[in-house]
Amino acid sequence: MASRGMSMDMLKDVILSLEPEDCFDGPEADRDVRFSDKWTVAEFSPTYRNEKLYLKMSMCIDAELAKCLSVKAYIERGQRQ
């Protein structure tokens, strides 16, 4: 994310401002059977500085805790890198 000029605080702001329409997959039970009974996963694609981001979020369903598994910036087809 640093290569895109994004600090941890900026990433935090993006995560905290996610909207339901940013979700493109899930929520669904974690595919790892060790965690599937307590964790649900959803994938989001918000826009940051005119680029789409890919965020995979894992949320514990029996606690008020969320953990971001990965954050990747990707460019949609037709956009320059």
PDB file of N, CA and C in Angstrom:
ATOM      1  N   MET A   1       0.820  -1.178   0.000  1.00  0.00           N
ATOM      2  CA  MET A   1       0.000   0.000   0.000  1.00  0.00           C
ATOM      3  C   MET A   1       0.875   1.257   0.000  1.00  0.00           C
ATOM      4  N   ALA A   2       2.058   1.154   0.580  1.00  0.00           N
ATOM      5  CA  ALA A   2       2.948   2.312   0.607  1.00  0.00           C
ATOM      6  C   ALA A   2       3.306   2.764  -0.806  1.00  0.00           C
ATOM      7  N   SER A   3       3.418   1.831  -1.745  1.00  0.00           N
ATOM      8  CA  SER A   3       3.742   2.203  -3.124  1.00  0.00           C
ATOM      9  C   SER A   3       2.621   3.020  -3.764  1.00  0.00           C
ATOM     10  N   ARG A   4       1.445   2.957  -3.190  1.00  0.00           N
ATOM     11  CA  ARG A   4       0.309   3.741  -3.671  1.00  0.00           C
ATOM     12  C   ARG A   4       0.148   5.039  -2.866  1.00  0.00           C
ATOM     13  N   GLY A   5       1.077   5.287  -1.928  1.00  0.00           N
ATOM     14  CA  GLY A   5       1.010   6.500  -1.134  1.00  0.00           C
ATOM     15  C   GLY A   5       0.010   6.414   0.004  1.00  0.00           C
ATOM     16  N   MET A   6      -0.299   5.197   0.449  1.00  0.00           N
ATOM     17  CA  MET A   6      -1.304   5.009   1.493  1.00  0.00           C
ATOM     18  C   MET A   6      -0.630   4.654   2.812  1.00  0.00           C
ATOM     19  N   SER A   7      -0.908   5.443   3.836  1.00  0.00           N
ATOM     20  CA  SER A   7      -0.396   5.165   5.179  1.00  0.00           C
ATOM     21  C   SER A   7      -1.360   4.210   5.892  1.00  0.00           C
ATOM     22  N   MET A   8      -0.946   3.719   7.033  1.00  0.00           N
ATOM     23  CA  MET A   8      -1.817   2.845   7.830  1.00  0.00           C
ATOM     24  C   MET A   8      -3.066   3.595   8.284  1.00  0.00           C
ATOM     25  N   ASP A   9      -2.928   4.877   8.605  1.00  0.00           N
ATOM     26  CA  ASP A   9      -4.101   5.664   8.999  1.00  0.00           C
ATOM     27  C   ASP A   9      -5.080   5.811   7.840  1.00  0.00           C
ATOM     28  N   MET A  10      -4.557   6.005   6.626  1.00  0.00           N
ATOM     29  CA  MET A  10      -5.426   6.105   5.450  1.00  0.00           C
ATOM     30  C   MET A  10      -6.155   4.780   5.205  1.00  0.00           C
ATOM     31  N   LEU A  11      -5.419   3.672   5.345  1.00  0.00           N
ATOM     32  CA  LEU A  11      -6.031   2.358   5.182  1.00  0.00           C
ATOM     33  C   LEU A  11      -7.125   2.146   6.220  1.00  0.00           C
ATOM     34  N   LYS A  12      -6.852   2.530   7.447  1.00  0.00           N
ATOM     35  CA  LYS A  12      -7.848   2.430   8.512  1.00  0.00           C
ATOM     36  C   LYS A  12      -9.102   3.218   8.148  1.00  0.00           C
ATOM     37  N   ASP A  13      -8.928   4.430   7.614  1.00  0.00           N
ATOM     38  CA  ASP A  13     -10.074   5.243   7.196  1.00  0.00           C
ATOM     39  C   ASP A  13     -10.877   4.555   6.100  1.00  0.00           C
ATOM     40  N   VAL A  14     -10.185   3.929   5.140  1.00  0.00           N
ATOM     41  CA  VAL A  14     -10.879   3.207   4.062  1.00  0.00           C
ATOM     42  C   VAL A  14     -11.699   2.066   4.654  1.00  0.00           C
ATOM     43  N   ILE A  15     -11.094   1.294   5.541  1.00  0.00           N
ATOM     44  CA  ILE A  15     -11.782   0.148   6.146  1.00  0.00           C
ATOM     45  C   ILE A  15     -12.990   0.609   6.950  1.00  0.00           C
ATOM     46  N   LEU A  16     -12.827   1.665   7.725  1.00  0.00           N
ATOM     47  CA  LEU A  16     -13.928   2.137   8.570  1.00  0.00           C
ATOM     48  C   LEU A  16     -15.045   2.820   7.778  1.00  0.00           C
ATOM     49  N   SER A  17     -14.771   3.173   6.520  1.00  0.00           N
ATOM     50  CA  SER A  17     -15.803   3.820   5.704  1.00  0.00           C
ATOM     51  C   SER A  17     -16.410   2.880   4.660  1.00  0.00           C
ATOM     52  N   LEU A  18     -16.154   1.572   4.783  1.00  0.00           N
ATOM     53  CA  LEU A  18     -16.738   0.613   3.840  1.00  0.00           C
ATOM     54  C   LEU A  18     -18.255   0.687   3.876  1.00  0.00           C
ATOM     55  N   GLU A  19     -18.865   0.538   2.716  1.00  0.00           N
ATOM     56  CA  GLU A  19     -20.319   0.539   2.564  1.00  0.00           C
ATOM     57  C   GLU A  19     -20.756  -0.845   2.095  1.00  0.00           C
ATOM     58  N   PRO A  20     -22.012  -1.238   2.340  1.00  0.00           N
ATOM     59  CA  PRO A  20     -22.481  -2.547   1.882  1.00  0.00           C
ATOM     60  C   PRO A  20     -22.253  -2.774   0.387  1.00  0.00           C
ATOM     61  N   GLU A  21     -22.387  -1.724  -0.414  1.00  0.00           N
ATOM     62  CA  GLU A  21     -22.199  -1.889  -1.858  1.00  0.00           C
ATOM     63  C   GLU A  21     -20.739  -2.131  -2.246  1.00  0.00           C
ATOM     64  N   ASP A  22     -19.800  -1.927  -1.313  1.00  0.00           N
ATOM     65  CA  ASP A  22     -18.390  -2.237  -1.570  1.00  0.00           C
ATOM     66  C   ASP A  22     -18.118  -3.743  -1.502  1.00  0.00           C
ATOM     67  N   CYS A  23     -19.021  -4.490  -0.892  1.00  0.00           N
ATOM     68  CA  CYS A  23     -18.850  -5.934  -0.739  1.00  0.00           C
ATOM     69  C   CYS A  23     -19.214  -6.635  -2.047  1.00  0.00           C
ATOM     70  N   PHE A  24     -18.296  -7.466  -2.562  1.00  0.00           N
ATOM     71  CA  PHE A  24     -18.578  -8.193  -3.790  1.00  0.00           C
ATOM     72  C   PHE A  24     -18.597  -9.703  -3.593  1.00  0.00           C
ATOM     73  N   ASP A  25     -18.210 -10.182  -2.426  1.00  0.00           N
ATOM     74  CA  ASP A  25     -18.252 -11.625  -2.164  1.00  0.00           C
ATOM     75  C   ASP A  25     -18.410 -11.854  -0.672  1.00  0.00           C
ATOM     76  N   GLY A  26     -19.338 -12.727  -0.323  1.00  0.00           N
ATOM     77  CA  GLY A  26     -19.583 -13.036   1.072  1.00  0.00           C
ATOM     78  C   GLY A  26     -20.665 -12.140   1.644  1.00  0.00           C
ATOM     79  N   PRO A  27     -20.836 -12.149   2.910  1.00  0.00           N
ATOM     80  CA  PRO A  27     -20.049 -12.918   3.873  1.00  0.00           C
ATOM     81  C   PRO A  27     -20.377 -14.408   3.811  1.00  0.00           C
ATOM     82  N   GLU A  28     -19.377 -15.205   4.123  1.00  0.00           N
ATOM     83  CA  GLU A  28     -19.519 -16.654   4.160  1.00  0.00           C
ATOM     84  C   GLU A  28     -18.580 -17.202   5.227  1.00  0.00           C
ATOM     85  N   ALA A  29     -18.863 -18.411   5.668  1.00  0.00           N
ATOM     86  CA  ALA A  29     -18.008 -19.053   6.673  1.00  0.00           C
ATOM     87  C   ALA A  29     -16.592 -19.192   6.124  1.00  0.00           C
ATOM     88  N   ASP A  30     -15.607 -19.034   6.996  1.00  0.00           N
ATOM     89  CA  ASP A  30     -14.214 -19.219   6.601  1.00  0.00           C
ATOM     90  C   ASP A  30     -14.053 -20.595   5.970  1.00  0.00           C
ATOM     91  N   ARG A  31     -13.328 -20.683   4.877  1.00  0.00           N
ATOM     92  CA  ARG A  31     -13.146 -21.967   4.172  1.00  0.00           C
ATOM     93  C   ARG A  31     -12.194 -22.907   4.897  1.00  0.00           C
ATOM     94  N   ASP A  32     -11.406 -22.374   5.828  1.00  0.00           N
ATOM     95  CA  ASP A  32     -10.527 -23.210   6.646  1.00  0.00           C
ATOM     96  C   ASP A  32     -11.394 -23.822   7.744  1.00  0.00           C
ATOM     97  N   VAL A  33     -11.559 -25.129   7.715  1.00  0.00           N
ATOM     98  CA  VAL A  33     -12.472 -25.799   8.650  1.00  0.00           C
ATOM     99  C   VAL A  33     -12.114 -25.554  10.115  1.00  0.00           C
ATOM    100  N   ARG A  34     -10.865 -25.223  10.390  1.00  0.00           N
ATOM    101  CA  ARG A  34     -10.472 -24.929  11.771  1.00  0.00           C
ATOM    102  C   ARG A  34     -11.139 -23.665  12.292  1.00  0.00           C
ATOM    103  N   PHE A  35     -11.552 -22.771  11.381  1.00  0.00           N
ATOM    104  CA  PHE A  35     -12.105 -21.483  11.773  1.00  0.00           C
ATOM    105  C   PHE A  35     -13.543 -21.268  11.325  1.00  0.00           C
ATOM    106  N   SER A  36     -14.095 -22.187  10.563  1.00  0.00           N
ATOM    107  CA  SER A  36     -15.394 -21.959   9.925  1.00  0.00           C
ATOM    108  C   SER A  36     -16.556 -21.791  10.900  1.00  0.00           C
ATOM    109  N   ASP A  37     -16.444 -22.323  12.100  1.00  0.00           N
ATOM    110  CA  ASP A  37     -17.545 -22.190  13.054  1.00  0.00           C
ATOM    111  C   ASP A  37     -17.533 -20.846  13.801  1.00  0.00           C
ATOM    112  N   LYS A  38     -16.418 -20.115  13.727  1.00  0.00           N
ATOM    113  CA  LYS A  38     -16.322 -18.857  14.477  1.00  0.00           C
ATOM    114  C   LYS A  38     -15.994 -17.639  13.618  1.00  0.00           C
ATOM    115  N   TRP A  39     -15.577 -17.854  12.376  1.00  0.00           N
ATOM    116  CA  TRP A  39     -15.147 -16.742  11.537  1.00  0.00           C
ATOM    117  C   TRP A  39     -15.926 -16.715  10.232  1.00  0.00           C
ATOM    118  N   THR A  40     -16.267 -15.505   9.804  1.00  0.00           N
ATOM    119  CA  THR A  40     -16.898 -15.304   8.509  1.00  0.00           C
ATOM    120  C   THR A  40     -16.007 -14.365   7.698  1.00  0.00           C
ATOM    121  N   VAL A  41     -15.999 -14.555   6.383  1.00  0.00           N
ATOM    122  CA  VAL A  41     -15.120 -13.795   5.506  1.00  0.00           C
ATOM    123  C   VAL A  41     -15.953 -13.048   4.474  1.00  0.00           C
ATOM    124  N   ALA A  42     -15.570 -11.823   4.180  1.00  0.00           N
ATOM    125  CA  ALA A  42     -16.201 -11.024   3.129  1.00  0.00           C
ATOM    126  C   ALA A  42     -15.102 -10.282   2.377  1.00  0.00           C
ATOM    127  N   GLU A  43     -15.343 -10.050   1.077  1.00  0.00           N
ATOM    128  CA  GLU A  43     -14.378  -9.345   0.244  1.00  0.00           C
ATOM    129  C   GLU A  43     -14.999  -8.046  -0.249  1.00  0.00           C
ATOM    130  N   PHE A  44     -14.197  -6.998  -0.209  1.00  0.00           N
ATOM    131  CA  PHE A  44     -14.664  -5.662  -0.553  1.00  0.00           C
ATOM    132  C   PHE A  44     -13.790  -5.054  -1.644  1.00  0.00           C
ATOM    133  N   SER A  45     -14.377  -4.129  -2.386  1.00  0.00           N
ATOM    134  CA  SER A  45     -13.649  -3.443  -3.445  1.00  0.00           C
ATOM    135  C   SER A  45     -13.991  -1.947  -3.440  1.00  0.00           C
ATOM    136  N   PRO A  46     -13.511  -1.211  -2.429  1.00  0.00           N
ATOM    137  CA  PRO A  46     -13.742   0.232  -2.402  1.00  0.00           C
ATOM    138  C   PRO A  46     -12.766   0.952  -3.339  1.00  0.00           C
ATOM    139  N   THR A  47     -13.037   2.210  -3.594  1.00  0.00           N
ATOM    140  CA  THR A  47     -12.158   3.036  -4.423  1.00  0.00           C
ATOM    141  C   THR A  47     -11.342   3.958  -3.525  1.00  0.00           C
ATOM    142  N   TYR A  48     -10.068   4.054  -3.817  1.00  0.00           N
ATOM    143  CA  TYR A  48      -9.163   4.959  -3.105  1.00  0.00           C
ATOM    144  C   TYR A  48      -8.328   5.690  -4.149  1.00  0.00           C
ATOM    145  N   ARG A  49      -8.426   7.011  -4.168  1.00  0.00           N
ATOM    146  CA  ARG A  49      -7.682   7.820  -5.143  1.00  0.00           C
ATOM    147  C   ARG A  49      -7.864   7.300  -6.571  1.00  0.00           C
ATOM    148  N   ASN A  50      -9.115   7.041  -6.932  1.00  0.00           N
ATOM    149  CA  ASN A  50      -9.496   6.602  -8.273  1.00  0.00           C
ATOM    150  C   ASN A  50      -8.969   5.218  -8.656  1.00  0.00           C
ATOM    151  N   GLU A  51      -8.539   4.429  -7.675  1.00  0.00           N
ATOM    152  CA  GLU A  51      -8.135   3.052  -7.929  1.00  0.00           C
ATOM    153  C   GLU A  51      -8.988   2.127  -7.076  1.00  0.00           C
ATOM    154  N   LYS A  52      -9.302   0.962  -7.622  1.00  0.00           N
ATOM    155  CA  LYS A  52     -10.027  -0.038  -6.850  1.00  0.00           C
ATOM    156  C   LYS A  52      -9.049  -0.757  -5.938  1.00  0.00           C
ATOM    157  N   LEU A  53      -9.457  -0.988  -4.708  1.00  0.00           N
ATOM    158  CA  LEU A  53      -8.685  -1.789  -3.764  1.00  0.00           C
ATOM    159  C   LEU A  53      -9.382  -3.130  -3.597  1.00  0.00           C
ATOM    160  N   TYR A  54      -8.647  -4.110  -3.157  1.00  0.00           N
ATOM    161  CA  TYR A  54      -9.186  -5.412  -2.830  1.00  0.00           C
ATOM    162  C   TYR A  54      -8.900  -5.640  -1.362  1.00  0.00           C
ATOM    163  N   LEU A  55      -9.959  -5.824  -0.563  1.00  0.00           N
ATOM    164  CA  LEU A  55      -9.794  -6.080   0.862  1.00  0.00           C
ATOM    165  C   LEU A  55     -10.540  -7.347   1.232  1.00  0.00           C
ATOM    166  N   LYS A  56      -9.864  -8.245   1.873  1.00  0.00           N
ATOM    167  CA  LYS A  56     -10.481  -9.470   2.376  1.00  0.00           C
ATOM    168  C   LYS A  56     -10.527  -9.343   3.885  1.00  0.00           C
ATOM    169  N   MET A  57     -11.727  -9.351   4.431  1.00  0.00           N
ATOM    170  CA  MET A  57     -11.915  -9.150   5.860  1.00  0.00           C
ATOM    171  C   MET A  57     -12.417 -10.443   6.498  1.00  0.00           C
ATOM    172  N   SER A  58     -11.850 -10.786   7.622  1.00  0.00           N
ATOM    173  CA  SER A  58     -12.293 -11.935   8.396  1.00  0.00           C
ATOM    174  C   SER A  58     -12.833 -11.421   9.719  1.00  0.00           C
ATOM    175  N   MET A  59     -14.075 -11.787  10.028  1.00  0.00           N
ATOM    176  CA  MET A  59     -14.715 -11.295  11.232  1.00  0.00           C
ATOM    177  C   MET A  59     -15.105 -12.456  12.150  1.00  0.00           C
ATOM    178  N   CYS A  60     -14.779 -12.306  13.415  1.00  0.00           N
ATOM    179  CA  CYS A  60     -15.165 -13.288  14.417  1.00  0.00           C
ATOM    180  C   CYS A  60     -16.644 -13.079  14.726  1.00  0.00           C
ATOM    181  N   ILE A  61     -17.437 -14.140  14.655  1.00  0.00           N
ATOM    182  CA  ILE A  61     -18.878 -13.986  14.830  1.00  0.00           C
ATOM    183  C   ILE A  61     -19.323 -14.080  16.285  1.00  0.00           C
ATOM    184  N   ASP A  62     -18.441 -14.480  17.186  1.00  0.00           N
ATOM    185  CA  ASP A  62     -18.849 -14.558  18.587  1.00  0.00           C
ATOM    186  C   ASP A  62     -18.138 -13.526  19.463  1.00  0.00           C
ATOM    187  N   ALA A  63     -17.545 -12.517  18.843  1.00  0.00           N
ATOM    188  CA  ALA A  63     -16.893 -11.437  19.587  1.00  0.00           C
ATOM    189  C   ALA A  63     -16.956 -10.172  18.741  1.00  0.00           C
ATOM    190  N   GLU A  64     -16.772  -9.051  19.365  1.00  0.00           N
ATOM    191  CA  GLU A  64     -16.762  -7.796  18.616  1.00  0.00           C
ATOM    192  C   GLU A  64     -15.338  -7.503  18.187  1.00  0.00           C
ATOM    193  N   LEU A  65     -14.871  -8.304  17.222  1.00  0.00           N
ATOM    194  CA  LEU A  65     -13.498  -8.243  16.766  1.00  0.00           C
ATOM    195  C   LEU A  65     -13.484  -8.472  15.268  1.00  0.00           C
ATOM    196  N   ALA A  66     -12.731  -7.713  14.547  1.00  0.00           N
ATOM    197  CA  ALA A  66     -12.551  -7.947  13.116  1.00  0.00           C
ATOM    198  C   ALA A  66     -11.061  -7.898  12.823  1.00  0.00           C
ATOM    199  N   LYS A  67     -10.643  -8.707  11.884  1.00  0.00           N
ATOM    200  CA  LYS A  67      -9.233  -8.770  11.531  1.00  0.00           C
ATOM    201  C   LYS A  67      -9.137  -8.695  10.015  1.00  0.00           C
ATOM    202  N   CYS A  68      -8.328  -7.805   9.516  1.00  0.00           N
ATOM    203  CA  CYS A  68      -8.128  -7.674   8.077  1.00  0.00           C
ATOM    204  C   CYS A  68      -7.033  -8.655   7.667  1.00  0.00           C
ATOM    205  N   LEU A  69      -7.383  -9.631   6.820  1.00  0.00           N
ATOM    206  CA  LEU A  69      -6.416 -10.640   6.407  1.00  0.00           C
ATOM    207  C   LEU A  69      -5.440 -10.137   5.365  1.00  0.00           C
ATOM    208  N   SER A  70      -5.928  -9.381   4.404  1.00  0.00           N
ATOM    209  CA  SER A  70      -5.027  -8.874   3.375  1.00  0.00           C
ATOM    210  C   SER A  70      -5.626  -7.656   2.709  1.00  0.00           C
ATOM    211  N   VAL A  71      -4.751  -6.834   2.183  1.00  0.00           N
ATOM    212  CA  VAL A  71      -5.169  -5.652   1.429  1.00  0.00           C
ATOM    213  C   VAL A  71      -4.277  -5.582   0.203  1.00  0.00           C
ATOM    214  N   LYS A  72      -4.875  -5.539  -0.954  1.00  0.00           N
ATOM    215  CA  LYS A  72      -4.120  -5.444  -2.193  1.00  0.00           C
ATOM    216  C   LYS A  72      -4.733  -4.362  -3.058  1.00  0.00           C
ATOM    217  N   ALA A  73      -3.892  -3.599  -3.695  1.00  0.00           N
ATOM    218  CA  ALA A  73      -4.379  -2.641  -4.687  1.00  0.00           C
ATOM    219  C   ALA A  73      -4.330  -3.342  -6.034  1.00  0.00           C
ATOM    220  N   TYR A  74      -5.371  -3.197  -6.798  1.00  0.00           N
ATOM    221  CA  TYR A  74      -5.321  -3.715  -8.153  1.00  0.00           C
ATOM    222  C   TYR A  74      -5.942  -2.690  -9.082  1.00  0.00           C
ATOM    223  N   ILE A  75      -5.551  -2.752 -10.326  1.00  0.00           N
ATOM    224  CA  ILE A  75      -6.021  -1.824 -11.339  1.00  0.00           C
ATOM    225  C   ILE A  75      -7.004  -2.577 -12.227  1.00  0.00           C
ATOM    226  N   GLU A  76      -8.164  -1.984 -12.441  1.00  0.00           N
ATOM    227  CA  GLU A  76      -9.120  -2.612 -13.336  1.00  0.00           C
ATOM    228  C   GLU A  76      -8.597  -2.561 -14.761  1.00  0.00           C
ATOM    229  N   ARG A  77      -9.033  -3.515 -15.572  1.00  0.00           N
ATOM    230  CA  ARG A  77      -8.609  -3.553 -16.977  1.00  0.00           C
ATOM    231  C   ARG A  77      -8.906  -2.212 -17.643  1.00  0.00           C
ATOM    232  N   GLY A  78      -7.981  -1.784 -18.459  1.00  0.00           N
ATOM    233  CA  GLY A  78      -8.153  -0.535 -19.174  1.00  0.00           C
ATOM    234  C   GLY A  78      -7.538   0.658 -18.461  1.00  0.00           C
ATOM    235  N   GLN A  79      -7.158   0.493 -17.196  1.00  0.00           N
ATOM    236  CA  GLN A  79      -6.514   1.580 -16.460  1.00  0.00           C
ATOM    237  C   GLN A  79      -5.015   1.388 -16.511  1.00  0.00           C
ATOM    238  N   ARG A  80      -4.264   2.465 -16.479  1.00  0.00           N
ATOM    239  CA  ARG A  80      -2.806   2.394 -16.479  1.00  0.00           C
ATOM    240  C   ARG A  80      -2.288   2.150 -15.076  1.00  0.00           C
ATOM    241  N   GLN A  81      -1.167   1.460 -14.964  1.00  0.00           N
ATOM    242  CA  GLN A  81      -0.548   1.229 -13.666  1.00  0.00           C
ATOM    243  C   GLN A  81       0.347   2.359 -13.271  1.00  0.00           C
TER     244      GLN A  81
END
